[in-house]
Amino acid sequence: MPKTIAGNDCLPPVTGGYISIKKDGKEFHIASVPSLVLGADRYRDSVTENDDEFIDDEENGFAISIFSSNVGVDWELSLTAKNGDDEELAKHIEMEYQSNDC
């Protein structure tokens, strides 16, 4: 079963942004954070989603889901190690959110 790493940021992504995904401190993928639906009155109407699947240079598999809304950004990264040791691979992964609003 894939290991999941989750994160969030409480500032709404008015102009979107990106999540830098690093393994052992070296960036190997950038995932786009979509803008929320501006003008939405309710949370459920403000949500947008971006899904992305990719592999690293060692053929480990990754899938990220990113949700933007009027209450911030949430993301979940699922990873599957080629050698089957998902827990060990997760120890080498870090993610950093950067807003385009800065």
C-alpha atoms as a PDB file:
ATOM      1  CA  MET A   1       0.000   0.000   0.000  1.00  0.00           C
ATOM      2  CA  PRO A   2       1.463   3.403  -0.941  1.00  0.00           C
ATOM      3  CA  LYS A   3       2.730   5.746   1.777  1.00  0.00           C
ATOM      4  CA  THR A   4       0.980   9.145   1.927  1.00  0.00           C
ATOM      5  CA  ILE A   5       2.538  12.428   3.003  1.00  0.00           C
ATOM      6  CA  ALA A   6       0.135  15.337   3.529  1.00  0.00           C
ATOM      7  CA  GLY A   7       0.630  19.055   3.977  1.00  0.00           C
ATOM      8  CA  ASN A   8      -1.257  22.327   3.981  1.00  0.00           C
ATOM      9  CA  ASP A   9      -0.999  26.088   4.063  1.00  0.00           C
ATOM     10  CA  CYS A  10      -3.740  28.291   5.512  1.00  0.00           C
ATOM     11  CA  LEU A  11      -3.407  31.194   3.038  1.00  0.00           C
ATOM     12  CA  PRO A  12      -5.783  31.046   0.056  1.00  0.00           C
ATOM     13  CA  PRO A  13      -3.813  30.773  -3.236  1.00  0.00           C
ATOM     14  CA  VAL A  14      -5.348  33.744  -5.070  1.00  0.00           C
ATOM     15  CA  THR A  15      -2.877  33.494  -7.975  1.00  0.00           C
ATOM     16  CA  GLY A  16      -1.852  29.858  -7.509  1.00  0.00           C
ATOM     17  CA  GLY A  17       1.656  28.633  -6.844  1.00  0.00           C
ATOM     18  CA  TYR A  18       3.702  25.468  -6.850  1.00  0.00           C
ATOM     19  CA  ILE A  19       4.955  22.692  -4.610  1.00  0.00           C
ATOM     20  CA  SER A  20       8.617  21.783  -4.880  1.00  0.00           C
ATOM     21  CA  ILE A  21       9.182  18.081  -4.217  1.00  0.00           C
ATOM     22  CA  LYS A  22      12.681  17.120  -3.092  1.00  0.00           C
ATOM     23  CA  LYS A  23      14.475  13.865  -2.424  1.00  0.00           C
ATOM     24  CA  ASP A  24      17.548  14.102  -0.218  1.00  0.00           C
ATOM     25  CA  GLY A  25      17.419  17.894  -0.580  1.00  0.00           C
ATOM     26  CA  LYS A  26      17.463  17.876  -4.396  1.00  0.00           C
ATOM     27  CA  GLU A  27      14.384  19.078  -6.261  1.00  0.00           C
ATOM     28  CA  PHE A  28      13.112  16.496  -8.734  1.00  0.00           C
ATOM     29  CA  HIS A  29       9.547  17.648  -9.467  1.00  0.00           C
ATOM     30  CA  ILE A  30       7.399  20.782  -9.351  1.00  0.00           C
ATOM     31  CA  ALA A  31       3.610  20.467  -9.058  1.00  0.00           C
ATOM     32  CA  SER A  32       1.306  23.350  -9.911  1.00  0.00           C
ATOM     33  CA  VAL A  33      -1.050  24.730  -7.277  1.00  0.00           C
ATOM     34  CA  PRO A  34      -4.229  26.038  -8.930  1.00  0.00           C
ATOM     35  CA  SER A  35      -5.931  29.292  -7.987  1.00  0.00           C
ATOM     36  CA  LEU A  36      -9.108  29.049  -5.977  1.00  0.00           C
ATOM     37  CA  VAL A  37     -12.431  29.992  -7.554  1.00  0.00           C
ATOM     38  CA  LEU A  38     -12.622  33.713  -6.838  1.00  0.00           C
ATOM     39  CA  GLY A  39     -16.027  35.086  -5.991  1.00  0.00           C
ATOM     40  CA  ALA A  40     -17.288  31.801  -4.565  1.00  0.00           C
ATOM     41  CA  ASP A  41     -19.510  32.353  -1.543  1.00  0.00           C
ATOM     42  CA  ARG A  42     -19.043  28.910  -0.028  1.00  0.00           C
ATOM     43  CA  TYR A  43     -16.060  26.686   0.615  1.00  0.00           C
ATOM     44  CA  ARG A  44     -17.305  23.887  -1.631  1.00  0.00           C
ATOM     45  CA  ASP A  45     -17.728  26.328  -4.526  1.00  0.00           C
ATOM     46  CA  SER A  46     -14.191  27.694  -4.146  1.00  0.00           C
ATOM     47  CA  VAL A  47     -12.324  24.350  -4.413  1.00  0.00           C
ATOM     48  CA  THR A  48     -10.108  23.557  -7.404  1.00  0.00           C
ATOM     49  CA  GLU A  49      -7.929  20.483  -7.799  1.00  0.00           C
ATOM     50  CA  ASN A  50      -4.762  19.479  -9.602  1.00  0.00           C
ATOM     51  CA  ASP A  51      -3.571  15.859  -9.836  1.00  0.00           C
ATOM     52  CA  ASP A  52      -0.167  14.797 -11.124  1.00  0.00           C
ATOM     53  CA  GLU A  53       1.674  11.469 -11.440  1.00  0.00           C
ATOM     54  CA  PHE A  54       5.424  11.115 -11.983  1.00  0.00           C
ATOM     55  CA  ILE A  55       8.479   8.952 -11.309  1.00  0.00           C
ATOM     56  CA  ASP A  56      11.960   9.822 -10.074  1.00  0.00           C
ATOM     57  CA  ASP A  57      15.295   8.740 -11.563  1.00  0.00           C
ATOM     58  CA  GLU A  58      15.122   5.452  -9.617  1.00  0.00           C
ATOM     59  CA  GLU A  59      11.636   4.649 -10.998  1.00  0.00           C
ATOM     60  CA  ASN A  60       9.844   5.197  -7.684  1.00  0.00           C
ATOM     61  CA  GLY A  61       6.222   6.209  -8.341  1.00  0.00           C
ATOM     62  CA  PHE A  62       4.522   9.341  -7.036  1.00  0.00           C
ATOM     63  CA  ALA A  63       1.012  10.803  -7.276  1.00  0.00           C
ATOM     64  CA  ILE A  64       0.041  14.187  -5.829  1.00  0.00           C
ATOM     65  CA  SER A  65      -3.399  15.719  -5.343  1.00  0.00           C
ATOM     66  CA  ILE A  66      -3.559  19.436  -4.596  1.00  0.00           C
ATOM     67  CA  PHE A  67      -6.737  21.207  -3.451  1.00  0.00           C
ATOM     68  CA  SER A  68      -7.032  25.001  -3.391  1.00  0.00           C
ATOM     69  CA  SER A  69      -9.898  26.824  -1.694  1.00  0.00           C
ATOM     70  CA  ASN A  70     -10.850  29.955   0.177  1.00  0.00           C
ATOM     71  CA  VAL A  71      -9.369  28.400   3.349  1.00  0.00           C
ATOM     72  CA  GLY A  72      -5.943  27.556   1.880  1.00  0.00           C
ATOM     73  CA  VAL A  73      -4.089  24.750   0.106  1.00  0.00           C
ATOM     74  CA  ASP A  74      -4.049  21.056   1.018  1.00  0.00           C
ATOM     75  CA  TRP A  75      -1.960  18.374  -0.670  1.00  0.00           C
ATOM     76  CA  GLU A  76      -1.379  14.646  -0.450  1.00  0.00           C
ATOM     77  CA  LEU A  77       1.589  12.885  -1.990  1.00  0.00           C
ATOM     78  CA  SER A  78       1.319   9.105  -2.383  1.00  0.00           C
ATOM     79  CA  LEU A  79       4.558   7.283  -3.052  1.00  0.00           C
ATOM     80  CA  THR A  80       5.423   3.744  -4.036  1.00  0.00           C
ATOM     81  CA  ALA A  81       9.053   2.654  -3.780  1.00  0.00           C
ATOM     82  CA  LYS A  82      10.341   0.440  -6.559  1.00  0.00           C
ATOM     83  CA  ASN A  83      11.961  -1.815  -3.941  1.00  0.00           C
ATOM     84  CA  GLY A  84       8.750  -1.952  -1.876  1.00  0.00           C
ATOM     85  CA  ASP A  85      10.100   0.023   1.124  1.00  0.00           C
ATOM     86  CA  ASP A  86       7.693   2.989   0.999  1.00  0.00           C
ATOM     87  CA  GLU A  87       8.422   4.029   4.603  1.00  0.00           C
ATOM     88  CA  GLU A  88      12.154   4.372   3.916  1.00  0.00           C
ATOM     89  CA  LEU A  89      11.569   6.359   0.719  1.00  0.00           C
ATOM     90  CA  ALA A  90       9.216   8.720   2.594  1.00  0.00           C
ATOM     91  CA  LYS A  91      12.046   9.620   4.989  1.00  0.00           C
ATOM     92  CA  HIS A  92      13.954  11.139   2.050  1.00  0.00           C
ATOM     93  CA  ILE A  93      11.068  13.226   0.671  1.00  0.00           C
ATOM     94  CA  GLU A  94      10.231  16.818   1.566  1.00  0.00           C
ATOM     95  CA  MET A  95       7.808  19.292   0.027  1.00  0.00           C
ATOM     96  CA  GLU A  96       7.752  23.068   0.037  1.00  0.00           C
ATOM     97  CA  TYR A  97       4.808  25.235  -1.020  1.00  0.00           C
ATOM     98  CA  GLN A  98       5.488  28.553  -2.722  1.00  0.00           C
ATOM     99  CA  SER A  99       2.653  30.952  -3.471  1.00  0.00           C
ATOM    100  CA  ASN A 100       2.666  33.129  -6.591  1.00  0.00           C
ATOM    101  CA  ASP A 101       1.168  35.867  -4.405  1.00  0.00           C
ATOM    102  CA  CYS A 102       4.546  36.743  -2.849  1.00  0.00           C
END
